[in-house]
Every structure is written in C-alpha cells, then in structure tokens.
Amino acid sequence: MNAHDRDLSGKPAELAVLHYGDGEFVVLKPGRHVVCAVSGVKIPLQALRYWSPALQEAYAGPAEAYARWKETSS
C-alpha cells in the first residue's frame, strides 16, 4: 500500500474521482476503482480504457461504451 491507497481517516480509499479528457484522465480524488456508468461494475484504475469526456463517465469495456454511445447519439 502507499499513501494514495488510504484517505485521511486511515480507511482504505475505494472509489476514485476522475476528470476524463481526450485520451487521458486526471485523478481528482485517489482511490482504487471507478464504477462503470452502464453496468455498475467496479473498474480498477489500472484497467480503465474506456470513458466519455463529454459525459464524464467510465465504461467497463467497448460493449458498454458502444451501448452508451447508441443511447446518447439518437
């Protein structure tokens, strides 16, 4: 564990808060994972590959990203 794995109370930090940009994201609040906006699955930060800068949402995989794109582009 390192300093980013715990919050100020000493409890393990779980949910990270990110700002999603084009091709990169910025960690606003450290944590271990984010939650997929479509499926609700926890996504470890090191596995995060799909997100929407416009919607500021993370997706577990390409199927979830495509499903959200279809929902919002109609």
PDB file of N, CA and C in Angstrom:
ATOM      1  N   MET A   1       0.828  -1.188   0.000  1.00  0.00           N
ATOM      2  CA  MET A   1       0.000   0.000   0.000  1.00  0.00           C
ATOM      3  C   MET A   1       0.865   1.241   0.000  1.00  0.00           C
ATOM      4  N   ASN A   2       0.327   2.308  -0.547  1.00  0.00           N
ATOM      5  CA  ASN A   2       1.035   3.577  -0.499  1.00  0.00           C
ATOM      6  C   ASN A   2       0.084   4.661  -0.022  1.00  0.00           C
ATOM      7  N   ALA A   3       0.558   5.885   0.004  1.00  0.00           N
ATOM      8  CA  ALA A   3      -0.231   6.999   0.541  1.00  0.00           C
ATOM      9  C   ALA A   3      -1.539   7.201  -0.214  1.00  0.00           C
ATOM     10  N   HIS A   4      -1.585   6.815  -1.472  1.00  0.00           N
ATOM     11  CA  HIS A   4      -2.798   7.023  -2.270  1.00  0.00           C
ATOM     12  C   HIS A   4      -3.841   5.936  -2.039  1.00  0.00           C
ATOM     13  N   ASP A   5      -3.504   4.897  -1.300  1.00  0.00           N
ATOM     14  CA  ASP A   5      -4.447   3.827  -1.031  1.00  0.00           C
ATOM     15  C   ASP A   5      -5.300   4.084   0.201  1.00  0.00           C
ATOM     16  N   ARG A   6      -5.075   5.175   0.897  1.00  0.00           N
ATOM     17  CA  ARG A   6      -5.830   5.475   2.113  1.00  0.00           C
ATOM     18  C   ARG A   6      -6.309   6.918   2.069  1.00  0.00           C
ATOM     19  N   ASP A   7      -7.479   7.158   2.690  1.00  0.00           N
ATOM     20  CA  ASP A   7      -7.939   8.533   2.819  1.00  0.00           C
ATOM     21  C   ASP A   7      -7.398   9.113   4.131  1.00  0.00           C
ATOM     22  N   LEU A   8      -7.768  10.316   4.473  1.00  0.00           N
ATOM     23  CA  LEU A   8      -7.217  10.979   5.655  1.00  0.00           C
ATOM     24  C   LEU A   8      -7.631  10.305   6.960  1.00  0.00           C
ATOM     25  N   SER A   9      -8.707   9.549   6.949  1.00  0.00           N
ATOM     26  CA  SER A   9      -9.141   8.867   8.170  1.00  0.00           C
ATOM     27  C   SER A   9      -8.375   7.566   8.398  1.00  0.00           C
ATOM     28  N   GLY A  10      -7.548   7.169   7.453  1.00  0.00           N
ATOM     29  CA  GLY A  10      -6.803   5.925   7.572  1.00  0.00           C
ATOM     30  C   GLY A  10      -7.525   4.734   6.978  1.00  0.00           C
ATOM     31  N   LYS A  11      -8.771   4.923   6.528  1.00  0.00           N
ATOM     32  CA  LYS A  11      -9.531   3.841   5.913  1.00  0.00           C
ATOM     33  C   LYS A  11      -9.100   3.696   4.453  1.00  0.00           C
ATOM     34  N   PRO A  12      -9.166   2.487   3.930  1.00  0.00           N
ATOM     35  CA  PRO A  12      -8.803   2.308   2.523  1.00  0.00           C
ATOM     36  C   PRO A  12      -9.693   3.164   1.615  1.00  0.00           C
ATOM     37  N   ALA A  13      -9.076   3.877   0.695  1.00  0.00           N
ATOM     38  CA  ALA A  13      -9.824   4.667  -0.283  1.00  0.00           C
ATOM     39  C   ALA A  13     -10.304   3.715  -1.363  1.00  0.00           C
ATOM     40  N   GLU A  14     -11.552   3.726  -1.647  1.00  0.00           N
ATOM     41  CA  GLU A  14     -12.098   2.810  -2.636  1.00  0.00           C
ATOM     42  C   GLU A  14     -12.394   3.510  -3.959  1.00  0.00           C
ATOM     43  N   LEU A  15     -13.404   4.368  -3.951  1.00  0.00           N
ATOM     44  CA  LEU A  15     -13.874   4.993  -5.176  1.00  0.00           C
ATOM     45  C   LEU A  15     -13.039   6.213  -5.515  1.00  0.00           C
ATOM     46  N   ALA A  16     -12.443   6.204  -6.687  1.00  0.00           N
ATOM     47  CA  ALA A  16     -11.671   7.342  -7.166  1.00  0.00           C
ATOM     48  C   ALA A  16     -12.612   8.321  -7.870  1.00  0.00           C
ATOM     49  N   VAL A  17     -12.241   9.570  -7.896  1.00  0.00           N
ATOM     50  CA  VAL A  17     -12.961  10.586  -8.654  1.00  0.00           C
ATOM     51  C   VAL A  17     -11.998  11.078  -9.727  1.00  0.00           C
ATOM     52  N   LEU A  18     -12.443  11.014 -10.979  1.00  0.00           N
ATOM     53  CA  LEU A  18     -11.587  11.361 -12.102  1.00  0.00           C
ATOM     54  C   LEU A  18     -12.207  12.453 -12.952  1.00  0.00           C
ATOM     55  N   HIS A  19     -11.358  13.167 -13.675  1.00  0.00           N
ATOM     56  CA  HIS A  19     -11.808  14.051 -14.755  1.00  0.00           C
ATOM     57  C   HIS A  19     -11.341  13.386 -16.033  1.00  0.00           C
ATOM     58  N   TYR A  20     -12.293  13.068 -16.916  1.00  0.00           N
ATOM     59  CA  TYR A  20     -11.996  12.342 -18.139  1.00  0.00           C
ATOM     60  C   TYR A  20     -11.733  13.323 -19.269  1.00  0.00           C
ATOM     61  N   GLY A  21     -10.555  13.215 -19.866  1.00  0.00           N
ATOM     62  CA  GLY A  21     -10.195  14.056 -21.000  1.00  0.00           C
ATOM     63  C   GLY A  21     -10.085  13.213 -22.258  1.00  0.00           C
ATOM     64  N   ASP A  22      -9.622  13.836 -23.338  1.00  0.00           N
ATOM     65  CA  ASP A  22      -9.415  13.130 -24.603  1.00  0.00           C
ATOM     66  C   ASP A  22      -8.124  12.330 -24.524  1.00  0.00           C
ATOM     67  N   GLY A  23      -8.243  11.017 -24.341  1.00  0.00           N
ATOM     68  CA  GLY A  23      -7.081  10.149 -24.320  1.00  0.00           C
ATOM     69  C   GLY A  23      -6.371  10.033 -22.988  1.00  0.00           C
ATOM     70  N   GLU A  24      -6.840  10.744 -21.978  1.00  0.00           N
ATOM     71  CA  GLU A  24      -6.233  10.652 -20.658  1.00  0.00           C
ATOM     72  C   GLU A  24      -7.246  11.065 -19.602  1.00  0.00           C
ATOM     73  N   PHE A  25      -6.958  10.718 -18.360  1.00  0.00           N
ATOM     74  CA  PHE A  25      -7.800  11.157 -17.262  1.00  0.00           C
ATOM     75  C   PHE A  25      -6.919  11.693 -16.149  1.00  0.00           C
ATOM     76  N   VAL A  26      -7.498  12.540 -15.318  1.00  0.00           N
ATOM     77  CA  VAL A  26      -6.800  13.133 -14.180  1.00  0.00           C
ATOM     78  C   VAL A  26      -7.492  12.661 -12.908  1.00  0.00           C
ATOM     79  N   VAL A  27      -6.719  12.196 -11.956  1.00  0.00           N
ATOM     80  CA  VAL A  27      -7.266  11.737 -10.686  1.00  0.00           C
ATOM     81  C   VAL A  27      -7.500  12.945  -9.787  1.00  0.00           C
ATOM     82  N   LEU A  28      -8.768  13.215  -9.470  1.00  0.00           N
ATOM     83  CA  LEU A  28      -9.128  14.321  -8.587  1.00  0.00           C
ATOM     84  C   LEU A  28      -9.163  13.868  -7.131  1.00  0.00           C
ATOM     85  N   LYS A  29      -9.584  12.617  -6.919  1.00  0.00           N
ATOM     86  CA  LYS A  29      -9.590  12.020  -5.578  1.00  0.00           C
ATOM     87  C   LYS A  29      -9.068  10.594  -5.723  1.00  0.00           C
ATOM     88  N   PRO A  30      -7.948  10.287  -5.104  1.00  0.00           N
ATOM     89  CA  PRO A  30      -7.365   8.952  -5.252  1.00  0.00           C
ATOM     90  C   PRO A  30      -8.303   7.855  -4.747  1.00  0.00           C
ATOM     91  N   GLY A  31      -8.197   6.726  -5.384  1.00  0.00           N
ATOM     92  CA  GLY A  31      -8.965   5.556  -4.999  1.00  0.00           C
ATOM     93  C   GLY A  31      -8.507   4.369  -5.807  1.00  0.00           C
ATOM     94  N   ARG A  32      -9.136   3.242  -5.585  1.00  0.00           N
ATOM     95  CA  ARG A  32      -8.742   2.014  -6.271  1.00  0.00           C
ATOM     96  C   ARG A  32      -9.511   1.771  -7.569  1.00  0.00           C
ATOM     97  N   HIS A  33     -10.724   2.301  -7.657  1.00  0.00           N
ATOM     98  CA  HIS A  33     -11.558   1.995  -8.809  1.00  0.00           C
ATOM     99  C   HIS A  33     -12.544   3.122  -9.103  1.00  0.00           C
ATOM    100  N   VAL A  34     -13.169   3.020 -10.279  1.00  0.00           N
ATOM    101  CA  VAL A  34     -14.335   3.826 -10.640  1.00  0.00           C
ATOM    102  C   VAL A  34     -15.439   2.831 -10.982  1.00  0.00           C
ATOM    103  N   VAL A  35     -16.637   3.326 -11.179  1.00  0.00           N
ATOM    104  CA  VAL A  35     -17.783   2.456 -11.463  1.00  0.00           C
ATOM    105  C   VAL A  35     -18.255   2.700 -12.891  1.00  0.00           C
ATOM    106  N   CYS A  36     -18.479   1.614 -13.616  1.00  0.00           N
ATOM    107  CA  CYS A  36     -18.991   1.708 -14.985  1.00  0.00           C
ATOM    108  C   CYS A  36     -20.377   2.350 -14.964  1.00  0.00           C
ATOM    109  N   ALA A  37     -20.568   3.368 -15.802  1.00  0.00           N
ATOM    110  CA  ALA A  37     -21.841   4.091 -15.851  1.00  0.00           C
ATOM    111  C   ALA A  37     -22.970   3.256 -16.443  1.00  0.00           C
ATOM    112  N   VAL A  38     -22.644   2.210 -17.177  1.00  0.00           N
ATOM    113  CA  VAL A  38     -23.668   1.383 -17.816  1.00  0.00           C
ATOM    114  C   VAL A  38     -23.975   0.136 -16.995  1.00  0.00           C
ATOM    115  N   SER A  39     -22.939  -0.585 -16.589  1.00  0.00           N
ATOM    116  CA  SER A  39     -23.144  -1.879 -15.923  1.00  0.00           C
ATOM    117  C   SER A  39     -23.029  -1.835 -14.403  1.00  0.00           C
ATOM    118  N   GLY A  40     -22.423  -0.791 -13.859  1.00  0.00           N
ATOM    119  CA  GLY A  40     -22.225  -0.706 -12.421  1.00  0.00           C
ATOM    120  C   GLY A  40     -21.043  -1.512 -11.910  1.00  0.00           C
ATOM    121  N   VAL A  41     -20.281  -2.102 -12.804  1.00  0.00           N
ATOM    122  CA  VAL A  41     -19.113  -2.909 -12.444  1.00  0.00           C
ATOM    123  C   VAL A  41     -17.983  -1.997 -11.957  1.00  0.00           C
ATOM    124  N   LYS A  42     -17.261  -2.446 -10.930  1.00  0.00           N
ATOM    125  CA  LYS A  42     -16.082  -1.711 -10.466  1.00  0.00           C
ATOM    126  C   LYS A  42     -14.943  -1.919 -11.459  1.00  0.00           C
ATOM    127  N   ILE A  43     -14.291  -0.826 -11.852  1.00  0.00           N
ATOM    128  CA  ILE A  43     -13.181  -0.887 -12.791  1.00  0.00           C
ATOM    129  C   ILE A  43     -11.924  -0.407 -12.076  1.00  0.00           C
ATOM    130  N   PRO A  44     -10.943  -1.282 -11.862  1.00  0.00           N
ATOM    131  CA  PRO A  44      -9.686  -0.827 -11.259  1.00  0.00           C
ATOM    132  C   PRO A  44      -9.051   0.240 -12.164  1.00  0.00           C
ATOM    133  N   LEU A  45      -8.459   1.264 -11.563  1.00  0.00           N
ATOM    134  CA  LEU A  45      -7.895   2.349 -12.372  1.00  0.00           C
ATOM    135  C   LEU A  45      -6.887   1.851 -13.395  1.00  0.00           C
ATOM    136  N   GLN A  46      -6.079   0.853 -13.032  1.00  0.00           N
ATOM    137  CA  GLN A  46      -5.075   0.370 -13.967  1.00  0.00           C
ATOM    138  C   GLN A  46      -5.694  -0.365 -15.156  1.00  0.00           C
ATOM    139  N   ALA A  47      -6.967  -0.742 -15.064  1.00  0.00           N
ATOM    140  CA  ALA A  47      -7.657  -1.426 -16.151  1.00  0.00           C
ATOM    141  C   ALA A  47      -8.578  -0.494 -16.942  1.00  0.00           C
ATOM    142  N   LEU A  48      -8.700   0.752 -16.546  1.00  0.00           N
ATOM    143  CA  LEU A  48      -9.621   1.687 -17.203  1.00  0.00           C
ATOM    144  C   LEU A  48      -9.104   2.075 -18.587  1.00  0.00           C
ATOM    145  N   ARG A  49      -9.881   1.753 -19.625  1.00  0.00           N
ATOM    146  CA  ARG A  49      -9.501   2.055 -21.003  1.00  0.00           C
ATOM    147  C   ARG A  49     -10.583   2.810 -21.774  1.00  0.00           C
ATOM    148  N   TYR A  50     -11.808   2.798 -21.255  1.00  0.00           N
ATOM    149  CA  TYR A  50     -12.933   3.390 -21.984  1.00  0.00           C
ATOM    150  C   TYR A  50     -13.653   4.396 -21.110  1.00  0.00           C
ATOM    151  N   TRP A  51     -13.864   5.612 -21.666  1.00  0.00           N
ATOM    152  CA  TRP A  51     -14.614   6.644 -20.964  1.00  0.00           C
ATOM    153  C   TRP A  51     -15.104   7.675 -21.962  1.00  0.00           C
ATOM    154  N   SER A  52     -15.981   8.549 -21.493  1.00  0.00           N
ATOM    155  CA  SER A  52     -16.509   9.624 -22.330  1.00  0.00           C
ATOM    156  C   SER A  52     -16.149  10.968 -21.710  1.00  0.00           C
ATOM    157  N   PRO A  53     -15.323  11.762 -22.410  1.00  0.00           N
ATOM    158  CA  PRO A  53     -15.035  13.105 -21.905  1.00  0.00           C
ATOM    159  C   PRO A  53     -16.290  13.987 -21.879  1.00  0.00           C
ATOM    160  N   ALA A  54     -17.163  13.825 -22.863  1.00  0.00           N
ATOM    161  CA  ALA A  54     -18.373  14.648 -22.940  1.00  0.00           C
ATOM    162  C   ALA A  54     -19.329  14.353 -21.786  1.00  0.00           C
ATOM    163  N   LEU A  55     -19.481  13.081 -21.444  1.00  0.00           N
ATOM    164  CA  LEU A  55     -20.414  12.687 -20.391  1.00  0.00           C
ATOM    165  C   LEU A  55     -19.732  12.529 -19.034  1.00  0.00           C
ATOM    166  N   GLN A  56     -18.395  12.530 -19.012  1.00  0.00           N
ATOM    167  CA  GLN A  56     -17.616  12.330 -17.782  1.00  0.00           C
ATOM    168  C   GLN A  56     -18.024  11.020 -17.106  1.00  0.00           C
ATOM    169  N   GLU A  57     -17.999   9.934 -17.915  1.00  0.00           N
ATOM    170  CA  GLU A  57     -18.370   8.608 -17.440  1.00  0.00           C
ATOM    171  C   GLU A  57     -17.302   7.600 -17.828  1.00  0.00           C
ATOM    172  N   ALA A  58     -17.167   6.568 -17.002  1.00  0.00           N
ATOM    173  CA  ALA A  58     -16.262   5.455 -17.288  1.00  0.00           C
ATOM    174  C   ALA A  58     -17.083   4.246 -17.733  1.00  0.00           C
ATOM    175  N   TYR A  59     -16.453   3.393 -18.551  1.00  0.00           N
ATOM    176  CA  TYR A  59     -17.114   2.178 -19.044  1.00  0.00           C
ATOM    177  C   TYR A  59     -16.194   0.979 -18.848  1.00  0.00           C
ATOM    178  N   ALA A  60     -16.785  -0.158 -18.522  1.00  0.00           N
ATOM    179  CA  ALA A  60     -16.018  -1.373 -18.250  1.00  0.00           C
ATOM    180  C   ALA A  60     -15.352  -1.929 -19.506  1.00  0.00           C
ATOM    181  N   GLY A  61     -15.920  -1.680 -20.657  1.00  0.00           N
ATOM    182  CA  GLY A  61     -15.351  -2.210 -21.892  1.00  0.00           C
ATOM    183  C   GLY A  61     -15.989  -1.579 -23.111  1.00  0.00           C
ATOM    184  N   PRO A  62     -15.603  -2.053 -24.289  1.00  0.00           N
ATOM    185  CA  PRO A  62     -16.128  -1.464 -25.517  1.00  0.00           C
ATOM    186  C   PRO A  62     -17.630  -1.662 -25.697  1.00  0.00           C
ATOM    187  N   ALA A  63     -18.170  -2.778 -25.219  1.00  0.00           N
ATOM    188  CA  ALA A  63     -19.617  -3.015 -25.361  1.00  0.00           C
ATOM    189  C   ALA A  63     -20.413  -1.974 -24.583  1.00  0.00           C
ATOM    190  N   GLU A  64     -19.966  -1.665 -23.373  1.00  0.00           N
ATOM    191  CA  GLU A  64     -20.651  -0.664 -22.548  1.00  0.00           C
ATOM    192  C   GLU A  64     -20.497   0.738 -23.155  1.00  0.00           C
ATOM    193  N   ALA A  65     -19.318   1.047 -23.655  1.00  0.00           N
ATOM    194  CA  ALA A  65     -19.092   2.356 -24.290  1.00  0.00           C
ATOM    195  C   ALA A  65     -19.989   2.510 -25.521  1.00  0.00           C
ATOM    196  N   TYR A  66     -20.081   1.461 -26.310  1.00  0.00           N
ATOM    197  CA  TYR A  66     -20.926   1.496 -27.509  1.00  0.00           C
ATOM    198  C   TYR A  66     -22.398   1.616 -27.136  1.00  0.00           C
ATOM    199  N   ALA A  67     -22.823   0.888 -26.110  1.00  0.00           N
ATOM    200  CA  ALA A  67     -24.222   0.966 -25.672  1.00  0.00           C
ATOM    201  C   ALA A  67     -24.576   2.386 -25.249  1.00  0.00           C
ATOM    202  N   ARG A  68     -23.690   3.049 -24.492  1.00  0.00           N
ATOM    203  CA  ARG A  68     -23.958   4.423 -24.066  1.00  0.00           C
ATOM    204  C   ARG A  68     -23.956   5.363 -25.268  1.00  0.00           C
ATOM    205  N   TRP A  69     -23.030   5.150 -26.211  1.00  0.00           N
ATOM    206  CA  TRP A  69     -22.977   5.976 -27.424  1.00  0.00           C
ATOM    207  C   TRP A  69     -24.283   5.872 -28.188  1.00  0.00           C
ATOM    208  N   LYS A  70     -24.814   4.651 -28.324  1.00  0.00           N
ATOM    209  CA  LYS A  70     -26.084   4.457 -29.024  1.00  0.00           C
ATOM    210  C   LYS A  70     -27.211   5.163 -28.305  1.00  0.00           C
ATOM    211  N   GLU A  71     -27.225   5.126 -26.971  1.00  0.00           N
ATOM    212  CA  GLU A  71     -28.267   5.786 -26.181  1.00  0.00           C
ATOM    213  C   GLU A  71     -28.251   7.300 -26.383  1.00  0.00           C
ATOM    214  N   THR A  72     -27.070   7.872 -26.375  1.00  0.00           N
ATOM    215  CA  THR A  72     -26.943   9.330 -26.347  1.00  0.00           C
ATOM    216  C   THR A  72     -26.831   9.985 -27.718  1.00  0.00           C
ATOM    217  N   SER A  73     -26.604   9.191 -28.768  1.00  0.00           N
ATOM    218  CA  SER A  73     -26.452   9.796 -30.091  1.00  0.00           C
ATOM    219  C   SER A  73     -27.716   9.721 -30.923  1.00  0.00           C
ATOM    220  N   SER A  74     -28.794   9.256 -30.344  1.00  0.00           N
ATOM    221  CA  SER A  74     -30.061   9.135 -31.091  1.00  0.00           C
ATOM    222  C   SER A  74     -30.837  10.423 -31.037  1.00  0.00           C
TER     223      SER A  74
END
